Amino acid sequence: MSYNSSAVRAISIPFSTSKLVELRRANYSAIFYSVLETARANGHTLFDYVMHCLHKLVQPQCDIDSLLPWHVSL
């Protein structure tokens, strides 16, 4: 039985690419939820903490370390 390798590649590459994308998304989600739970453990209201971070991130001279939950005072 002969396979058309270009047809097989056309079918298999999107699946392997989507697996990598899903793994990347899962990793980013885990980091995001970990930071949120750390903010909650530090006594922050999650909405206020996220809004504070978003307002600071749009500033050109934003220091990422200053946005960690244990450095923020709301």
N, C-alpha and C. Protein backbone atom coordinates (compact mmCIF):
# COMPACT_ATOMS: atom_id res chain seq x y z
N MET A 1 0.84 -1.16 0.00
CA MET A 1 0.00 0.00 0.00
C MET A 1 0.90 1.24 0.00
N SER A 2 0.61 2.15 -0.89
CA SER A 2 1.40 3.36 -1.03
C SER A 2 0.66 4.56 -0.45
N TYR A 3 1.39 5.36 0.31
CA TYR A 3 0.79 6.56 0.90
C TYR A 3 1.32 7.79 0.19
N ASN A 4 0.47 8.75 0.05
CA ASN A 4 0.88 10.03 -0.50
C ASN A 4 1.42 10.86 0.65
N SER A 5 2.74 11.02 0.71
CA SER A 5 3.35 11.66 1.88
C SER A 5 2.94 13.11 2.05
N SER A 6 2.72 13.83 0.96
CA SER A 6 2.29 15.22 1.11
C SER A 6 0.89 15.30 1.70
N ALA A 7 0.04 14.34 1.35
CA ALA A 7 -1.32 14.32 1.91
C ALA A 7 -1.27 13.95 3.39
N VAL A 8 -0.41 13.02 3.75
CA VAL A 8 -0.27 12.63 5.16
C VAL A 8 0.26 13.80 5.98
N ARG A 9 1.26 14.51 5.44
CA ARG A 9 1.80 15.68 6.14
C ARG A 9 0.75 16.77 6.30
N ALA A 10 -0.05 16.97 5.27
CA ALA A 10 -1.09 18.01 5.32
C ALA A 10 -2.11 17.71 6.40
N ILE A 11 -2.33 16.44 6.67
CA ILE A 11 -3.29 16.07 7.71
C ILE A 11 -2.64 16.07 9.09
N SER A 12 -1.41 15.58 9.20
CA SER A 12 -0.81 15.40 10.53
C SER A 12 -0.19 16.67 11.10
N ILE A 13 0.31 17.57 10.29
CA ILE A 13 0.97 18.77 10.81
C ILE A 13 0.03 19.67 11.59
N PRO A 14 -1.20 19.95 11.11
CA PRO A 14 -2.08 20.79 11.93
C PRO A 14 -2.38 20.19 13.30
N PHE A 15 -2.46 18.87 13.38
CA PHE A 15 -2.74 18.25 14.67
C PHE A 15 -1.56 18.40 15.62
N SER A 16 -0.35 18.21 15.12
CA SER A 16 0.81 18.35 16.00
C SER A 16 1.01 19.81 16.39
N THR A 17 0.72 20.74 15.48
CA THR A 17 0.83 22.16 15.81
C THR A 17 -0.20 22.55 16.85
N SER A 18 -1.42 22.04 16.69
CA SER A 18 -2.46 22.40 17.66
C SER A 18 -2.15 21.81 19.04
N LYS A 19 -1.48 20.66 19.08
CA LYS A 19 -1.08 20.10 20.37
C LYS A 19 -0.09 21.02 21.08
N LEU A 20 0.87 21.55 20.31
CA LEU A 20 1.85 22.46 20.89
C LEU A 20 1.19 23.74 21.38
N VAL A 21 0.24 24.24 20.60
CA VAL A 21 -0.47 25.45 21.00
C VAL A 21 -1.26 25.20 22.26
N GLU A 22 -1.93 24.06 22.35
CA GLU A 22 -2.71 23.74 23.54
C GLU A 22 -1.82 23.57 24.77
N LEU A 23 -0.65 22.97 24.59
CA LEU A 23 0.27 22.84 25.72
C LEU A 23 0.75 24.21 26.19
N ARG A 24 1.03 25.10 25.24
CA ARG A 24 1.44 26.45 25.59
C ARG A 24 0.33 27.19 26.33
N ARG A 25 -0.89 27.05 25.84
CA ARG A 25 -2.04 27.69 26.50
C ARG A 25 -2.23 27.15 27.91
N ALA A 26 -2.07 25.85 28.07
CA ALA A 26 -2.22 25.24 29.39
C ALA A 26 -1.15 25.77 30.35
N ASN A 27 0.05 25.94 29.86
CA ASN A 27 1.14 26.46 30.68
C ASN A 27 0.85 27.91 31.10
N TYR A 28 0.41 28.74 30.16
CA TYR A 28 0.08 30.13 30.49
C TYR A 28 -1.08 30.21 31.47
N SER A 29 -2.07 29.36 31.29
CA SER A 29 -3.21 29.35 32.21
C SER A 29 -2.77 28.96 33.62
N ALA A 30 -1.89 27.97 33.71
CA ALA A 30 -1.40 27.54 35.02
C ALA A 30 -0.65 28.67 35.72
N ILE A 31 0.16 29.39 34.97
CA ILE A 31 0.90 30.52 35.55
C ILE A 31 -0.07 31.60 36.01
N PHE A 32 -1.05 31.93 35.17
CA PHE A 32 -2.02 32.98 35.49
C PHE A 32 -2.80 32.63 36.75
N TYR A 33 -3.32 31.40 36.82
CA TYR A 33 -4.09 31.01 38.00
C TYR A 33 -3.23 30.91 39.25
N SER A 34 -1.98 30.54 39.08
CA SER A 34 -1.07 30.50 40.22
C SER A 34 -0.84 31.90 40.79
N VAL A 35 -0.65 32.88 39.90
CA VAL A 35 -0.48 34.26 40.36
C VAL A 35 -1.75 34.76 41.03
N LEU A 36 -2.92 34.43 40.45
CA LEU A 36 -4.18 34.86 41.06
C LEU A 36 -4.38 34.26 42.45
N GLU A 37 -4.08 32.99 42.59
CA GLU A 37 -4.24 32.36 43.90
C GLU A 37 -3.24 32.91 44.91
N THR A 38 -2.05 33.27 44.44
CA THR A 38 -1.08 33.90 45.33
C THR A 38 -1.57 35.27 45.77
N ALA A 39 -2.20 36.00 44.84
CA ALA A 39 -2.77 37.30 45.20
C ALA A 39 -3.88 37.13 46.23
N ARG A 40 -4.70 36.12 46.04
CA ARG A 40 -5.77 35.86 47.02
C ARG A 40 -5.18 35.50 48.38
N ALA A 41 -4.11 34.69 48.38
CA ALA A 41 -3.46 34.31 49.64
C ALA A 41 -2.84 35.52 50.34
N ASN A 42 -2.46 36.54 49.56
CA ASN A 42 -1.90 37.76 50.13
C ASN A 42 -2.97 38.78 50.50
N GLY A 43 -4.24 38.37 50.43
CA GLY A 43 -5.33 39.21 50.89
C GLY A 43 -5.88 40.21 49.88
N HIS A 44 -5.52 40.06 48.60
CA HIS A 44 -6.01 40.99 47.59
C HIS A 44 -7.35 40.51 47.03
N THR A 45 -8.20 41.46 46.67
CA THR A 45 -9.40 41.15 45.89
C THR A 45 -8.93 40.92 44.46
N LEU A 46 -9.33 39.80 43.86
CA LEU A 46 -8.78 39.43 42.56
C LEU A 46 -9.07 40.47 41.49
N PHE A 47 -10.29 40.99 41.45
CA PHE A 47 -10.63 42.00 40.44
C PHE A 47 -9.74 43.23 40.59
N ASP A 48 -9.59 43.71 41.81
CA ASP A 48 -8.76 44.89 42.05
C ASP A 48 -7.30 44.63 41.69
N TYR A 49 -6.81 43.45 42.00
CA TYR A 49 -5.42 43.11 41.69
C TYR A 49 -5.20 43.07 40.18
N VAL A 50 -6.11 42.42 39.46
CA VAL A 50 -5.96 42.32 38.00
C VAL A 50 -6.07 43.71 37.36
N MET A 51 -7.00 44.53 37.82
CA MET A 51 -7.14 45.88 37.27
C MET A 51 -5.88 46.71 37.56
N HIS A 52 -5.32 46.57 38.74
CA HIS A 52 -4.08 47.27 39.09
C HIS A 52 -2.96 46.86 38.14
N CYS A 53 -2.82 45.56 37.92
CA CYS A 53 -1.77 45.06 37.02
C CYS A 53 -1.97 45.54 35.59
N LEU A 54 -3.21 45.52 35.12
CA LEU A 54 -3.47 45.96 33.75
C LEU A 54 -3.18 47.45 33.58
N HIS A 55 -3.51 48.25 34.57
CA HIS A 55 -3.22 49.68 34.49
C HIS A 55 -1.71 49.94 34.51
N LYS A 56 -0.98 49.17 35.28
CA LYS A 56 0.47 49.35 35.35
C LYS A 56 1.18 48.82 34.10
N LEU A 57 0.67 47.74 33.52
CA LEU A 57 1.33 47.12 32.37
C LEU A 57 1.31 48.00 31.12
N VAL A 58 0.36 48.90 31.01
CA VAL A 58 0.30 49.76 29.82
C VAL A 58 1.29 50.92 29.91
N GLN A 59 1.87 51.13 31.07
CA GLN A 59 2.85 52.20 31.22
C GLN A 59 4.18 51.75 30.63
N PRO A 60 4.88 52.64 29.94
CA PRO A 60 6.11 52.23 29.24
C PRO A 60 7.23 51.74 30.17
N GLN A 61 7.34 52.28 31.36
CA GLN A 61 8.42 51.89 32.28
C GLN A 61 7.92 50.97 33.38
N CYS A 62 7.17 49.96 33.02
CA CYS A 62 6.59 49.05 34.01
C CYS A 62 7.62 48.02 34.46
N ASP A 63 7.77 47.89 35.77
CA ASP A 63 8.65 46.88 36.35
C ASP A 63 7.78 45.68 36.73
N ILE A 64 7.98 44.56 36.05
CA ILE A 64 7.14 43.38 36.24
C ILE A 64 7.24 42.86 37.67
N ASP A 65 8.42 42.92 38.26
CA ASP A 65 8.58 42.42 39.63
C ASP A 65 7.72 43.18 40.63
N SER A 66 7.46 44.45 40.36
CA SER A 66 6.64 45.23 41.28
C SER A 66 5.17 44.83 41.22
N LEU A 67 4.79 44.03 40.22
CA LEU A 67 3.40 43.59 40.09
C LEU A 67 3.13 42.25 40.77
N LEU A 68 4.16 41.63 41.30
CA LEU A 68 3.94 40.37 42.00
C LEU A 68 3.08 40.61 43.23
N PRO A 69 2.22 39.66 43.57
CA PRO A 69 1.23 39.88 44.62
C PRO A 69 1.80 40.33 45.96
N TRP A 70 2.98 39.90 46.33
CA TRP A 70 3.52 40.26 47.64
C TRP A 70 4.18 41.65 47.61
N HIS A 71 4.31 42.27 46.42
CA HIS A 71 4.86 43.63 46.33
C HIS A 71 3.77 44.69 46.18
N VAL A 72 2.56 44.27 45.87
CA VAL A 72 1.47 45.21 45.58
C VAL A 72 0.72 45.53 46.87
N SER A 73 0.46 46.81 47.07
CA SER A 73 -0.41 47.21 48.17
C SER A 73 -1.58 47.97 47.56
N LEU A 74 -2.76 47.39 47.70
CA LEU A 74 -3.96 48.01 47.12
C LEU A 74 -4.72 48.78 48.17
